[in-house]
Protein backbone atom coordinates (compact mmCIF):
# COMPACT_ATOMS: atom_id res chain seq x y z
CA MET A 1 42.64 -11.49 -19.36
CA ALA A 2 41.22 -13.21 -16.15
CA ASN A 3 40.38 -12.05 -13.25
CA PRO A 4 42.53 -13.74 -10.34
CA GLY A 5 39.22 -14.42 -8.01
CA THR A 6 37.53 -16.63 -10.81
CA SER A 7 39.15 -20.08 -9.63
CA ARG A 8 38.42 -19.20 -6.21
CA ARG A 9 34.65 -18.79 -6.67
CA PRO A 10 32.22 -22.00 -6.30
CA LYS A 11 31.56 -24.14 -8.96
CA TYR A 12 28.19 -23.62 -9.26
CA GLN A 13 28.99 -19.42 -10.25
CA ARG A 14 31.71 -20.38 -13.00
CA ILE A 15 29.36 -22.21 -14.73
CA ALA A 16 27.03 -19.90 -14.75
CA ALA A 17 29.35 -17.37 -15.77
CA ASP A 18 30.30 -19.44 -18.63
CA LEU A 19 26.11 -19.55 -19.67
CA ARG A 20 25.69 -15.93 -18.89
CA GLN A 21 28.73 -14.85 -21.19
CA ALA A 22 27.52 -17.23 -24.05
CA VAL A 23 23.99 -15.67 -24.06
CA GLN A 24 25.25 -12.46 -24.12
CA ALA A 25 28.04 -13.65 -26.98
CA GLY A 26 24.39 -14.50 -29.02
CA GLU A 27 25.71 -18.44 -28.78
CA TYR A 28 21.89 -18.96 -27.23
CA ARG A 29 19.60 -16.84 -28.61
CA PRO A 30 16.24 -15.81 -27.08
CA GLY A 31 13.92 -18.77 -26.74
CA ASP A 32 16.82 -21.21 -27.05
CA ARG A 33 17.24 -24.33 -24.54
CA LEU A 34 20.36 -24.17 -22.59
CA PRO A 35 22.31 -27.09 -21.70
CA GLY A 36 20.83 -28.78 -19.01
CA GLU A 37 21.54 -30.85 -15.89
CA ASN A 38 23.10 -33.53 -17.38
CA ASP A 39 24.85 -31.86 -20.11
CA LEU A 40 26.34 -29.53 -17.41
CA MET A 41 27.47 -32.50 -15.65
CA ALA A 42 29.12 -34.13 -17.97
CA ALA A 43 31.42 -30.76 -19.33
CA TYR A 44 31.73 -29.70 -16.10
CA GLN A 45 31.92 -32.77 -14.19
CA VAL A 46 30.12 -31.32 -11.56
CA ALA A 47 27.11 -32.87 -8.95
CA ARG A 48 23.37 -32.87 -10.24
CA MET A 49 23.50 -29.95 -7.43
CA THR A 50 25.65 -28.00 -8.55
CA ALA A 51 24.40 -28.07 -12.36
CA ARG A 52 21.06 -26.86 -11.09
CA GLN A 53 22.16 -24.11 -8.82
CA ALA A 54 24.31 -23.10 -12.04
CA LEU A 55 20.69 -22.97 -13.93
CA GLY A 56 19.09 -21.03 -10.58
CA VAL A 57 21.25 -18.29 -10.92
CA LEU A 58 20.70 -17.51 -14.67
CA GLN A 59 17.00 -17.71 -12.97
CA THR A 60 17.48 -15.64 -10.48
CA GLU A 61 18.49 -12.80 -12.41
CA GLY A 62 15.94 -12.81 -15.00
CA LEU A 63 18.28 -14.10 -17.63
CA ALA A 64 16.25 -18.01 -18.05
CA GLU A 65 13.14 -19.55 -17.03
CA ALA A 66 12.44 -22.77 -16.73
CA ARG A 67 9.87 -24.74 -18.26
CA LYS A 68 8.09 -27.60 -16.71
CA GLY A 69 9.03 -30.83 -18.21
CA ALA A 70 11.30 -29.02 -21.16
CA GLY A 71 14.36 -27.39 -19.43
CA VAL A 72 15.45 -24.31 -18.98
CA PHE A 73 15.34 -21.58 -21.35
CA VAL A 74 16.43 -18.07 -22.50
CA ARG A 75 13.65 -15.49 -21.61
CA SER A 76 12.56 -14.12 -24.90
CA PHE A 77 11.97 -10.03 -24.28
CA ARG A 78 9.09 -8.89 -26.76
CA PRO A 79 8.52 -5.18 -24.82
CA LEU A 80 5.10 -3.79 -24.33
CA ARG A 81 5.81 -0.22 -25.37
CA ARG A 82 4.14 2.30 -22.69
CA ARG A 83 3.79 5.68 -23.56
CA GLY A 84 3.75 8.32 -20.95
CA GLY A 85 0.87 10.96 -21.43
CA PRO A 86 -2.57 11.91 -20.94
CA ASP A 87 -3.47 9.04 -22.13
CA GLY A 88 -2.54 6.80 -19.21
CA ILE A 89 -2.82 2.89 -19.81
CA ASP A 90 -2.07 1.54 -23.48
CA THR A 91 -4.57 -1.22 -23.63
CA HIS A 92 -4.17 -1.42 -26.94
CA ALA A 93 -1.82 -4.48 -27.14
CA VAL A 94 -3.42 -6.41 -24.43
CA ALA A 95 -6.76 -8.18 -23.74
CA LEU A 96 -8.82 -7.67 -20.24
CA ASP A 97 -8.76 -10.82 -18.40
CA GLY A 98 -10.81 -9.77 -15.55
CA ALA A 99 -12.59 -6.99 -13.57
CA VAL A 100 -14.05 -6.28 -10.51
CA GLU A 101 -15.94 -3.26 -9.22
CA GLU A 102 -16.28 -2.87 -5.15
CA GLN A 103 -16.91 -0.38 -2.52
CA ARG A 104 -14.06 -0.14 -0.08
CA THR A 105 -11.33 1.05 2.10
CA PRO A 106 -8.62 2.64 -0.08
CA PRO A 107 -4.83 2.24 1.36
CA PRO A 108 -3.99 5.24 3.70
CA THR A 109 -1.04 6.37 1.10
CA VAL A 110 -4.25 6.58 -0.75
CA ALA A 111 -6.84 7.92 1.49
CA ASP A 112 -4.06 10.99 2.08
CA ALA A 113 -3.73 11.58 -1.52
CA LEU A 114 -7.73 12.10 -2.30
CA ALA A 115 -7.91 14.09 1.24
CA LEU A 116 -10.15 11.46 2.29
CA SER A 117 -10.85 10.30 6.22
CA PRO A 118 -9.25 6.64 7.00
CA ALA A 119 -12.01 5.01 6.70
CA ALA A 120 -13.59 6.24 3.79
CA VAL A 121 -15.48 3.67 1.33
CA ILE A 122 -15.32 4.33 -2.55
CA PRO A 123 -15.58 3.24 -5.50
CA VAL A 124 -12.50 0.40 -6.31
CA ARG A 125 -12.05 -0.65 -9.57
CA ASP A 126 -9.55 -3.95 -10.19
CA HIS A 127 -8.76 -5.11 -13.58
CA ARG A 128 -6.47 -7.53 -15.08
CA PHE A 129 -4.80 -7.71 -18.73
CA VAL A 130 -2.80 -10.16 -20.38
CA ARG A 131 -0.76 -10.71 -23.46
CA ASP A 132 -0.69 -14.30 -25.50
CA GLY A 133 -2.21 -15.45 -22.97
CA LYS A 134 -0.13 -14.00 -20.16
CA PRO A 135 -1.19 -11.55 -17.32
CA VAL A 136 1.25 -8.37 -17.91
CA LEU A 137 -0.75 -5.61 -15.76
CA LEU A 138 -2.69 -5.36 -12.99
CA SER A 139 -4.41 -2.05 -12.59
CA THR A 140 -6.11 -0.59 -9.04
CA SER A 141 -8.30 2.59 -9.81
CA TYR A 142 -9.83 5.31 -6.59
CA ARG A 143 -12.56 7.45 -7.65
CA PRO A 144 -14.09 8.77 -5.13
CA GLN A 145 -16.15 11.36 -7.54
CA PRO A 146 -16.87 9.81 -10.87
CA GLY A 147 -18.12 12.14 -12.24
CA LEU A 148 -14.84 15.02 -12.14
CA VAL A 149 -12.58 14.86 -15.08
CA ALA A 150 -8.83 15.18 -14.44
CA VAL A 151 -6.79 17.35 -16.38
CA ARG A 152 -3.36 16.81 -14.91
CA PHE A 153 -1.85 14.01 -14.07
CA ARG A 154 1.67 12.55 -11.98
CA GLU A 155 2.88 10.06 -12.17
CA GLU A 156 5.21 8.13 -10.26
CA ILE A 157 7.52 5.47 -10.57
CA HIS A 158 8.75 2.44 -8.29
CA CYS A 159 10.54 -0.85 -9.57
CA ARG A 160 10.38 -3.87 -6.47
CA MET A 161 10.40 -7.44 -6.67
CA PRO A 162 6.68 -8.23 -6.78
CA SER A 163 5.14 -9.61 -3.81
CA SER A 164 3.43 -13.80 -3.52
CA GLU A 165 0.09 -12.53 -5.06
CA GLU A 166 1.75 -10.08 -7.31
CA ALA A 167 3.64 -13.10 -8.71
CA GLN A 168 0.91 -15.19 -8.46
CA GLN A 169 -1.46 -12.42 -10.11
CA LEU A 170 0.83 -11.70 -13.11
CA ARG A 171 2.33 -15.57 -12.78
CA LEU A 172 5.94 -13.84 -13.30
CA PRO A 173 8.97 -16.59 -12.68
CA PRO A 174 11.46 -16.22 -9.91
CA GLY A 175 13.85 -13.22 -10.31
CA THR A 176 11.14 -10.72 -12.00
CA PRO A 177 10.61 -7.40 -10.97
CA VAL A 178 7.95 -5.29 -11.34
CA ILE A 179 7.27 -2.09 -12.51
CA GLN A 180 4.77 0.14 -9.93
CA ILE A 181 3.21 3.09 -11.36
CA ARG A 182 1.25 5.31 -9.21
CA ARG A 183 -1.10 7.76 -11.33
CA THR A 184 -2.73 10.84 -9.74
CA GLY A 185 -5.44 13.19 -11.89
CA PHE A 186 -5.82 16.21 -10.46
CA ALA A 187 -9.13 18.65 -11.09
CA PRO A 188 -8.13 22.02 -12.70
CA ASP A 189 -8.24 23.62 -9.21
CA GLY A 190 -5.30 21.43 -8.04
CA ARG A 191 -7.68 18.63 -6.30
CA ALA A 192 -6.29 15.19 -6.50
CA ILE A 193 -9.77 13.32 -7.47
CA GLU A 194 -8.26 9.74 -9.00
CA VAL A 195 -5.20 7.27 -8.11
CA ASN A 196 -4.35 4.73 -10.33
CA GLU A 197 -2.43 2.00 -8.82
CA LEU A 198 -0.39 -0.26 -11.81
CA THR A 199 1.87 -2.92 -11.76
CA LEU A 200 3.39 -4.37 -14.76
CA ASP A 201 5.25 -7.47 -15.38
CA ALA A 202 8.76 -6.19 -15.83
CA SER A 203 9.91 -8.49 -18.23
CA SER A 204 7.27 -7.37 -20.64
CA TYR A 205 6.83 -3.89 -20.68
CA LEU A 206 9.15 -0.75 -22.03
CA LEU A 207 8.57 3.02 -20.46
CA GLU A 208 8.78 5.56 -23.20
CA TYR A 209 8.65 9.25 -22.39
CA GLU A 210 9.04 12.12 -24.24
CA PHE A 211 9.77 15.74 -23.55
CA ASP A 212 9.53 18.99 -25.61
CA VAL A 213 13.15 20.86 -24.60
C-alpha cells in the first residue's frame, strides 16, 4: 500500500526511493551501474539537477559510489573480518602502505590514559594499510616504554563520520563513516602502558567478537 505522504515528497527523493528499492530487491547487484542522469531525466521527465540529486542521495547513504567518467555504481561490500582478541590488528589480509615513527606529544586523552604530563614527548608510530590498492585502515600507536609487555587489553569502539584528513587518507566516498577503535594495553600491575588508535573504513570492515558464557 502506498504511503499517503509519498506523493508530497520532492521528486528527487521519490526517484532515490525507487532506485533504493530496486537495489534492495536485487535488480541492481553490487558493482552494477545505476541509471545515469540522462536515463532518469527521460524516465521521470525531470530536470538534470533533480536526477543528479536523486543519485546523490544514494551516494550520501553509502549505497552507491560515483566513478569518474563512468557513472554511479552500487557499492560492493567485501568485508575484512576483524576478530576481537589479544592479537589486535588483523593485518593478514592487508598490506602496509606507509609507516612513520617519530617523537611527539600525544593528544590529551591519550596522555591521561597513560598517566603522562600534558607536555610529555613519547614514541609514536603511524601506519596505513591497504587492500587491493585501496587504503582501509589507519593506525597510530603510543608506547612510552617500548620494553613493557601488555597482558590485558581494552577496546572502545566509536562509529562516526571522518574528518576531512581521514577521508583523504582513506580515499572515502561521500557518506562513508569510519569505525574508531581505541585499544589500551595494561601491564600486570594494572597500569596502562600503550594505546593504539585505529581508524577503519566502515565500508571495508566487519567486526567480530566471540564470548564464552
